[in-house]
Amino acid sequence: MPEESESDNNALRYRRVILKLSGESLADASGRGISGEEAGEIARQIRQAHDSGCQIAIVIGGGNILRGAQFSGTNALVQEATAHYMGMLATTVNSLAMQDAIESHGLQTRVMSAIPMDKIAESFIRRRAIRHLEKGRIVILSGGIGNPFVTTDTAAAQRALELEADVVLKATRVDGVYSDDPEKNPHAVLYESLTYGDVVSKNLKVMDATAIALCQEHEKPILVFNFKKDGNIVKAVSGDNVGTWIGPAIN
């Protein structure tokens, strides 16, 4: 875990973060589609985190609308690369929904897409994205990195490096990283902290291997936490003891 600061627990620890949300986080219990209630609740927590002074960029998956894997198989009509592009468009649908949800709470936002679509989003330009963040806008990054065969987890890690974010906040519906699926195994153990090597050696399904490798190479920390618990997003940006911390080994 990061070292405790001398300030109180509510003090801002992170200047800038990447918040990684799954597409399913916007859905109802079915995991499909977009729920206004769920999006609104996430937006409310983002407003709290923004009010703490943290600069926030968001990467959202598209699994509530479409997953490329559903087209896999030798008899699939849609080619795998095409399916990945379809998934990128799904992330843009979610990003537009999240934009309106956040703006309903009085914040300014910008959707920036890795795939040019200037009628609905700005094209991602690193320095422009940083400027938006410096002006206090929430930046929503859609379209992955614009290439197939790359997950939104990897996009979150990539954008964290490009935008010089202090940490990748991986929002999940469980309290952090467990030794097993806690929704299936009541005896699963919650880890307080892990190294990148632990994640790989224990085959923990936190983020995909490419995302973990990127973060490891550049020592970019990851915090995995439960966004479903009210106030956890602001706790995460404040550096409170919440979730599972993933970082370099401590010598």
Protein backbone atom coordinates (compact mmCIF):
# COMPACT_ATOMS: atom_id res chain seq x y z
CA MET A 1 0.00 0.00 0.00
CA PRO A 2 1.18 3.62 -0.49
CA GLU A 3 2.81 5.26 2.50
CA GLU A 4 0.50 7.19 4.82
CA SER A 5 0.78 10.95 4.47
CA GLU A 6 1.01 13.28 7.46
CA SER A 7 -2.32 14.85 6.47
CA ASP A 8 -5.68 13.41 7.42
CA ASN A 9 -7.28 10.57 5.49
CA ASN A 10 -9.54 12.92 3.52
CA ALA A 11 -6.63 14.89 2.04
CA LEU A 12 -6.13 14.60 -1.68
CA ARG A 13 -3.40 12.05 -2.41
CA TYR A 14 -3.65 11.85 -6.20
CA ARG A 15 -3.44 14.84 -8.51
CA ARG A 16 -4.68 12.94 -11.57
CA VAL A 17 -6.21 9.49 -12.01
CA ILE A 18 -7.52 7.16 -14.68
CA LEU A 19 -10.82 5.62 -13.57
CA LYS A 20 -11.45 2.33 -15.39
CA LEU A 21 -15.11 1.33 -15.48
CA SER A 22 -16.50 -1.81 -17.06
CA GLY A 23 -19.38 -1.50 -19.46
CA GLU A 24 -21.40 -3.65 -17.08
CA SER A 25 -21.04 -0.97 -14.39
CA LEU A 26 -23.58 1.09 -16.35
CA ALA A 27 -26.04 -1.78 -16.67
CA ASP A 28 -28.74 -3.10 -14.37
CA ALA A 29 -28.57 -6.54 -12.72
CA SER A 30 -28.81 -8.22 -16.14
CA GLY A 31 -25.45 -6.78 -17.14
CA ARG A 32 -26.87 -5.59 -20.45
CA GLY A 33 -27.77 -2.15 -21.75
CA ILE A 34 -27.51 1.16 -19.90
CA SER A 35 -29.34 1.96 -16.68
CA GLY A 36 -29.91 5.64 -16.02
CA GLU A 37 -29.99 4.91 -12.31
CA GLU A 38 -26.61 3.14 -12.34
CA ALA A 39 -24.96 5.77 -14.54
CA GLY A 40 -26.37 8.53 -12.35
CA GLU A 41 -25.02 6.93 -9.17
CA ILE A 42 -21.53 6.63 -10.68
CA ALA A 43 -21.73 10.25 -11.85
CA ARG A 44 -22.68 11.37 -8.34
CA GLN A 45 -19.60 9.67 -6.89
CA ILE A 46 -17.42 11.15 -9.64
CA ARG A 47 -18.72 14.59 -8.68
CA GLN A 48 -17.63 13.95 -5.08
CA ALA A 49 -14.18 12.87 -6.24
CA HIS A 50 -13.86 15.86 -8.57
CA ASP A 51 -14.84 18.22 -5.75
CA SER A 52 -11.87 16.92 -3.75
CA GLY A 53 -9.61 18.53 -6.35
CA CYS A 54 -8.60 15.42 -8.30
CA GLN A 55 -8.30 15.50 -12.10
CA ILE A 56 -10.23 12.54 -13.52
CA ALA A 57 -10.07 10.78 -16.87
CA ILE A 58 -12.38 7.82 -17.45
CA VAL A 59 -12.04 4.74 -19.63
CA ILE A 60 -15.23 2.69 -20.03
CA GLY A 61 -15.57 -0.79 -21.49
CA GLY A 62 -18.35 -1.88 -23.83
CA GLY A 63 -19.30 -5.35 -22.56
CA ASN A 64 -22.84 -4.31 -21.63
CA ILE A 65 -23.50 -3.73 -25.33
CA LEU A 66 -21.14 -6.05 -27.19
CA ARG A 67 -18.11 -8.24 -26.61
CA GLY A 68 -15.84 -9.21 -29.48
CA ALA A 69 -15.54 -12.74 -28.05
CA GLN A 70 -19.19 -13.44 -28.84
CA PHE A 71 -18.21 -13.54 -32.52
CA SER A 72 -15.28 -15.88 -32.06
CA GLY A 73 -15.22 -19.35 -33.57
CA THR A 74 -14.50 -20.89 -36.93
CA ASN A 75 -18.05 -20.39 -38.18
CA ALA A 76 -18.37 -16.79 -37.03
CA LEU A 77 -19.80 -14.47 -39.68
CA VAL A 78 -18.03 -11.40 -38.28
CA GLN A 79 -14.24 -11.42 -38.40
CA GLU A 80 -12.49 -10.98 -35.08
CA ALA A 81 -10.87 -7.67 -35.99
CA THR A 82 -14.25 -6.33 -37.11
CA ALA A 83 -15.76 -7.45 -33.80
CA HIS A 84 -13.11 -5.49 -31.93
CA TYR A 85 -13.97 -2.34 -33.88
CA MET A 86 -17.63 -2.92 -33.03
CA GLY A 87 -16.60 -3.12 -29.37
CA MET A 88 -14.81 0.22 -29.69
CA LEU A 89 -18.04 1.77 -30.92
CA ALA A 90 -19.82 0.25 -27.92
CA THR A 91 -17.40 2.09 -25.61
CA THR A 92 -18.35 5.32 -27.36
CA VAL A 93 -22.06 4.69 -26.74
CA ASN A 94 -21.28 4.23 -23.05
CA SER A 95 -19.04 7.29 -23.00
CA LEU A 96 -21.81 9.50 -24.38
CA ALA A 97 -24.23 8.17 -21.77
CA MET A 98 -21.69 8.82 -19.02
CA GLN A 99 -21.04 12.30 -20.36
CA ASP A 100 -24.66 13.34 -19.95
CA ALA A 101 -24.91 11.65 -16.55
CA ILE A 102 -21.87 13.55 -15.27
CA GLU A 103 -22.97 16.87 -16.76
CA SER A 104 -26.34 16.47 -15.01
CA HIS A 105 -24.30 16.91 -11.81
CA GLY A 106 -22.96 20.25 -12.97
CA LEU A 107 -19.53 19.22 -14.25
CA GLN A 108 -17.94 19.97 -17.61
CA THR A 109 -16.87 16.97 -19.68
CA ARG A 110 -15.17 16.11 -22.92
CA VAL A 111 -15.48 12.80 -24.76
CA MET A 112 -12.26 12.10 -26.65
CA SER A 113 -12.18 9.20 -29.08
CA ALA A 114 -9.27 7.19 -30.40
CA ILE A 115 -11.33 6.76 -33.59
CA PRO A 116 -12.17 10.07 -35.32
CA MET A 117 -15.90 10.84 -35.10
CA ASP A 118 -15.99 14.60 -34.91
CA LYS A 119 -19.78 14.92 -34.84
CA ILE A 120 -19.94 13.48 -31.32
CA ALA A 121 -16.43 13.49 -29.83
CA GLU A 122 -13.05 15.17 -30.03
CA SER A 123 -10.20 13.14 -31.42
CA PHE A 124 -7.78 12.10 -28.70
CA ILE A 125 -4.79 14.41 -28.61
CA ARG A 126 -2.60 13.95 -25.58
CA ARG A 127 -1.80 17.59 -24.88
CA ARG A 128 -5.39 18.67 -25.43
CA ALA A 129 -6.62 15.99 -23.02
CA ILE A 130 -4.15 17.21 -20.38
CA ARG A 131 -5.35 20.78 -20.89
CA HIS A 132 -8.97 19.72 -20.37
CA LEU A 133 -7.97 18.01 -17.14
CA GLU A 134 -6.07 21.07 -15.96
CA LYS A 135 -9.20 23.14 -16.57
CA GLY A 136 -11.18 20.86 -14.29
CA ARG A 137 -13.09 18.97 -16.98
CA ILE A 138 -13.83 15.27 -16.74
CA VAL A 139 -12.27 13.58 -19.78
CA ILE A 140 -13.99 10.41 -21.03
CA LEU A 141 -11.72 8.37 -23.29
CA SER A 142 -13.56 6.17 -25.78
CA GLY A 143 -12.59 3.80 -28.56
CA GLY A 144 -9.80 2.02 -26.70
CA ILE A 145 -6.57 3.02 -28.41
CA GLY A 146 -8.13 2.75 -31.86
CA ASN A 147 -6.70 -0.66 -32.76
CA PRO A 148 -8.20 -4.16 -32.60
CA PHE A 149 -6.91 -6.89 -30.28
CA VAL A 150 -6.38 -4.38 -27.48
CA THR A 151 -8.63 -4.40 -24.41
CA THR A 152 -9.95 -1.35 -22.59
CA ASP A 153 -7.83 -2.44 -19.61
CA THR A 154 -4.76 -1.95 -21.76
CA ALA A 155 -6.21 1.33 -23.04
CA ALA A 156 -6.56 2.50 -19.43
CA ALA A 157 -2.92 1.63 -18.71
CA GLN A 158 -1.77 3.29 -21.93
CA ARG A 159 -3.70 6.50 -21.25
CA ALA A 160 -2.46 6.57 -17.67
CA LEU A 161 1.09 6.67 -19.00
CA GLU A 162 0.33 9.24 -21.70
CA LEU A 163 -1.58 11.57 -19.37
CA GLU A 164 0.85 11.12 -16.48
CA ALA A 165 -1.84 9.88 -14.13
CA ASP A 166 -0.71 8.94 -10.65
CA VAL A 167 -2.69 5.70 -10.50
CA VAL A 168 -5.11 3.49 -12.44
CA LEU A 169 -8.32 3.04 -10.42
CA LYS A 170 -9.92 -0.22 -11.49
CA ALA A 171 -13.57 -0.12 -10.40
CA THR A 172 -15.18 -3.50 -9.70
CA ARG A 173 -18.22 -4.80 -7.86
CA VAL A 174 -16.17 -6.66 -5.23
CA ASP A 175 -13.90 -5.24 -2.52
CA GLY A 176 -10.62 -5.82 -4.34
CA VAL A 177 -8.53 -8.72 -5.61
CA TYR A 178 -9.30 -12.13 -4.12
CA SER A 179 -7.54 -15.48 -4.25
CA ASP A 180 -10.67 -16.85 -5.96
CA ASP A 181 -14.02 -15.57 -7.18
CA PRO A 182 -15.67 -14.32 -3.95
CA GLU A 183 -19.12 -14.57 -5.52
CA LYS A 184 -18.58 -18.33 -5.92
CA ASN A 185 -16.17 -19.17 -3.12
CA PRO A 186 -17.04 -17.74 0.32
CA HIS A 187 -13.57 -18.72 1.57
CA ALA A 188 -11.73 -16.59 -1.00
CA VAL A 189 -9.07 -14.36 0.60
CA LEU A 190 -8.98 -10.61 -0.05
CA TYR A 191 -5.47 -9.30 -0.74
CA GLU A 192 -4.54 -5.92 0.74
CA SER A 193 -1.59 -5.48 -1.61
CA LEU A 194 0.14 -7.34 -4.43
CA THR A 195 3.12 -6.89 -6.69
CA TYR A 196 2.73 -7.05 -10.46
CA GLY A 197 4.59 -10.36 -10.32
CA ASP A 198 2.09 -11.72 -7.80
CA VAL A 199 -0.76 -10.96 -10.19
CA VAL A 200 0.96 -12.90 -12.97
CA SER A 201 2.25 -15.83 -10.91
CA LYS A 202 -1.06 -16.35 -9.10
CA ASN A 203 -2.97 -15.95 -12.38
CA LEU A 204 -5.26 -13.39 -10.81
CA LYS A 205 -7.89 -12.00 -13.17
CA VAL A 206 -7.36 -8.32 -12.40
CA MET A 207 -6.56 -6.82 -15.78
CA ASP A 208 -5.26 -8.44 -18.93
CA ALA A 209 -1.58 -9.38 -19.10
CA THR A 210 -0.65 -6.55 -21.47
CA ALA A 211 -2.11 -3.93 -19.12
CA ILE A 212 -0.26 -5.42 -16.15
CA ALA A 213 2.99 -5.53 -18.14
CA LEU A 214 2.65 -1.87 -19.15
CA CYS A 215 2.04 -0.81 -15.57
CA GLN A 216 4.89 -2.96 -14.31
CA GLU A 217 7.38 -1.61 -16.85
CA HIS A 218 6.60 1.98 -15.85
CA GLU A 219 5.81 1.28 -12.18
CA LYS A 220 2.31 2.70 -12.58
CA PRO A 221 0.26 1.57 -9.57
CA ILE A 222 -3.21 0.06 -9.81
CA LEU A 223 -5.91 0.22 -7.16
CA VAL A 224 -8.73 -2.32 -7.47
CA PHE A 225 -11.77 -1.33 -5.42
CA ASN A 226 -15.54 -1.72 -5.06
CA PHE A 227 -17.26 1.25 -6.69
CA LYS A 228 -20.67 -0.09 -5.61
CA LYS A 229 -20.00 1.00 -2.03
CA ASP A 230 -21.10 4.59 -1.63
CA GLY A 231 -18.18 6.98 -1.32
CA ASN A 232 -15.50 4.54 -2.44
CA ILE A 233 -14.52 6.53 -5.52
CA VAL A 234 -13.69 9.61 -3.45
CA LYS A 235 -11.95 7.37 -0.90
CA ALA A 236 -9.86 5.88 -3.71
CA VAL A 237 -8.70 9.26 -5.04
CA SER A 238 -8.01 10.40 -1.46
CA GLY A 239 -5.68 7.46 -0.86
CA ASP A 240 -7.79 5.89 1.87
CA ASN A 241 -7.23 2.25 2.73
CA VAL A 242 -9.72 0.77 0.30
CA GLY A 243 -9.41 -2.14 -2.12
CA THR A 244 -6.24 -3.90 -3.26
CA TRP A 245 -3.05 -2.00 -4.08
CA ILE A 246 -0.89 -3.37 -6.91
CA GLY A 247 2.58 -1.96 -7.39
CA PRO A 248 6.31 -2.67 -7.42
CA ALA A 249 7.90 -4.99 -4.90
CA ILE A 250 9.07 -3.19 -1.76
CA ASN A 251 12.80 -3.69 -1.20
